[in-house]
Amino acid sequence: MTLLHTFTGHKAQVTTLDIVENSAFLASGSRDGKIMVWDIMQGKWFTQHDCDSPVNAVLFSKKIYWLVIATNSGIKVLNLPEQKFVIDIKEVSKKPNEVGSKKNLACLSLAWSKSGTQLYTGWSDNVIRIYEIEQVDAPARDD
């Protein structure tokens, strides 16, 4: 193996990576609460955003220019062309001993359905939640 690039910028351990298929973009998430998007062809930084909570997983959308981010306080969706967060999902625990708790629930894992219209999410209350992408206001991806 030959080292091609070394990307630096996170202030804590990098916990997750995702790459856009047939593209030059790589997303990284860190315990420092930041996500960064890198241009792997040019070997440089593209953009970054603060998620206000440690990042557990990042996942590019298959259909639109979104980056979905699983954090210790829920899910954030970043609209990449507009460079702004468009969705913030918070959930409450389904554990019987935590019903009514105000404790932050962490989203720990993310996966898209094959069609790219359903988002599968794993949470710290041992529950998998599935979200349907209903209406898309962001530009469609053509890659």
Protein backbone atom coordinates (compact mmCIF):
# COMPACT_ATOMS: atom_id res chain seq x y z
CA MET A 1 0.00 0.00 0.00
CA THR A 2 1.10 3.53 -0.76
CA LEU A 3 -0.08 6.51 1.32
CA LEU A 4 -1.72 9.02 -1.04
CA HIS A 5 -2.98 11.73 1.33
CA THR A 6 -3.12 12.55 5.02
CA PHE A 7 -6.09 14.69 6.07
CA THR A 8 -5.75 16.61 9.33
CA GLY A 9 -8.20 18.94 11.04
CA HIS A 10 -10.22 17.04 13.62
CA LYS A 11 -9.41 17.74 17.27
CA ALA A 12 -10.42 14.27 18.51
CA GLN A 13 -10.57 10.71 17.19
CA VAL A 14 -12.20 10.18 13.82
CA THR A 15 -15.11 7.77 14.36
CA THR A 16 -16.69 7.46 10.91
CA LEU A 17 -16.11 7.86 7.18
CA ASP A 18 -18.29 7.71 4.07
CA ILE A 19 -17.53 8.30 0.43
CA VAL A 20 -19.79 9.35 -2.43
CA GLU A 21 -19.80 6.59 -5.01
CA ASN A 22 -18.19 7.66 -8.32
CA SER A 23 -17.15 10.97 -6.78
CA ALA A 24 -14.21 12.69 -5.16
CA PHE A 25 -15.86 13.45 -1.82
CA LEU A 26 -15.16 11.82 1.54
CA ALA A 27 -16.97 12.77 4.76
CA SER A 28 -15.49 12.26 8.21
CA GLY A 29 -17.03 12.60 11.65
CA SER A 30 -15.28 12.90 14.98
CA ARG A 31 -15.69 12.85 18.74
CA ASP A 32 -14.95 16.61 18.52
CA GLY A 33 -18.51 17.13 17.20
CA LYS A 34 -17.44 18.18 13.74
CA ILE A 35 -17.96 16.71 10.30
CA MET A 36 -15.56 17.47 7.50
CA VAL A 37 -15.88 16.86 3.79
CA TRP A 38 -12.69 16.28 1.83
CA ASP A 39 -11.83 16.32 -1.87
CA ILE A 40 -9.85 13.09 -2.18
CA MET A 41 -8.75 13.71 -5.76
CA GLN A 42 -7.06 16.99 -4.88
CA GLY A 43 -6.12 15.85 -1.37
CA LYS A 44 -7.61 18.83 0.44
CA TRP A 45 -10.36 20.05 2.75
CA PHE A 46 -13.70 21.07 1.20
CA THR A 47 -16.02 22.08 4.10
CA GLN A 48 -16.76 21.48 7.79
CA HIS A 49 -19.69 21.91 10.18
CA ASP A 50 -20.13 21.76 13.95
CA CYS A 51 -22.81 19.30 15.08
CA ASP A 52 -22.71 20.33 18.77
CA SER A 53 -22.36 16.66 19.80
CA PRO A 54 -19.88 13.82 19.18
CA VAL A 55 -20.41 12.24 15.74
CA ASN A 56 -20.99 8.48 15.55
CA ALA A 57 -21.74 7.98 11.84
CA VAL A 58 -21.92 9.92 8.56
CA LEU A 59 -23.76 8.79 5.44
CA PHE A 60 -24.14 10.50 2.09
CA SER A 61 -27.62 10.28 0.58
CA LYS A 62 -27.98 8.06 -2.47
CA LYS A 63 -30.59 10.32 -4.08
CA ILE A 64 -29.94 13.94 -3.09
CA TYR A 65 -27.06 16.14 -1.98
CA TRP A 66 -27.46 15.46 1.73
CA LEU A 67 -25.08 14.25 4.41
CA VAL A 68 -26.87 12.44 7.24
CA ILE A 69 -25.05 12.66 10.58
CA ALA A 70 -25.67 10.43 13.61
CA THR A 71 -24.66 12.14 16.86
CA ASN A 72 -24.92 11.57 20.59
CA SER A 73 -27.97 13.87 20.59
CA GLY A 74 -29.82 12.55 17.51
CA ILE A 75 -29.64 12.95 13.74
CA LYS A 76 -28.77 16.02 11.71
CA VAL A 77 -29.15 16.34 7.95
CA LEU A 78 -26.85 18.72 6.11
CA ASN A 79 -27.95 20.05 2.72
CA LEU A 80 -24.57 20.20 1.00
CA PRO A 81 -25.31 22.74 -1.79
CA GLU A 82 -26.83 25.20 0.70
CA GLN A 83 -24.31 24.34 3.44
CA LYS A 84 -27.01 24.34 6.13
CA PHE A 85 -28.73 21.84 8.39
CA VAL A 86 -32.26 21.11 7.15
CA ILE A 87 -33.45 18.38 9.56
CA ASP A 88 -32.76 17.74 13.25
CA ILE A 89 -34.24 14.50 14.63
CA LYS A 90 -34.42 13.82 18.36
CA GLU A 91 -35.94 10.65 19.81
CA VAL A 92 -37.06 9.51 23.25
CA SER A 93 -36.15 6.16 24.75
CA LYS A 94 -38.37 3.12 24.26
CA LYS A 95 -36.80 1.37 27.27
CA PRO A 96 -39.49 0.73 29.92
CA ASN A 97 -37.33 2.16 32.72
CA GLU A 98 -36.62 5.36 30.72
CA VAL A 99 -40.14 6.30 29.57
CA GLY A 100 -40.64 10.02 30.13
CA SER A 101 -36.89 10.64 30.48
CA LYS A 102 -35.45 13.87 29.07
CA LYS A 103 -32.08 12.17 28.53
CA ASN A 104 -30.48 12.68 25.11
CA LEU A 105 -30.80 9.59 22.96
CA ALA A 106 -27.78 8.86 20.76
CA CYS A 107 -28.04 7.67 17.17
CA LEU A 108 -25.18 5.23 16.65
CA SER A 109 -25.52 3.85 13.12
CA LEU A 110 -27.01 4.66 9.71
CA ALA A 111 -27.81 2.72 6.51
CA TRP A 112 -29.85 3.45 3.38
CA SER A 113 -32.32 1.05 1.77
CA LYS A 114 -31.34 -0.08 -1.73
CA SER A 115 -33.78 2.45 -3.20
CA GLY A 116 -32.28 5.26 -1.11
CA THR A 117 -35.72 6.33 0.13
CA GLN A 118 -35.62 4.75 3.61
CA LEU A 119 -33.04 5.53 6.26
CA TYR A 120 -32.32 2.79 8.81
CA THR A 121 -31.00 4.08 12.13
CA GLY A 122 -29.68 2.35 15.25
CA TRP A 123 -30.15 4.09 18.62
CA SER A 124 -28.72 3.86 22.13
CA ASP A 125 -32.04 2.55 23.50
CA ASN A 126 -31.44 -0.70 21.52
CA VAL A 127 -34.07 0.25 18.91
CA ILE A 128 -33.85 0.46 15.11
CA ARG A 129 -35.94 3.28 13.65
CA ILE A 130 -36.71 3.58 9.93
CA TYR A 131 -37.45 6.96 8.33
CA GLU A 132 -39.08 7.46 4.93
CA ILE A 133 -37.80 10.28 2.73
CA GLU A 134 -41.11 11.73 1.50
CA GLN A 135 -40.51 14.99 -0.30
CA VAL A 136 -37.24 16.23 -1.64
CA ASP A 137 -36.63 19.97 -1.91
CA ALA A 138 -32.91 19.57 -2.50
CA PRO A 139 -31.49 19.11 -6.00
CA ALA A 140 -31.33 15.49 -7.16
CA ARG A 141 -27.94 13.87 -7.62
CA ASP A 142 -26.97 12.84 -11.10
CA ASP A 143 -23.92 10.70 -10.33
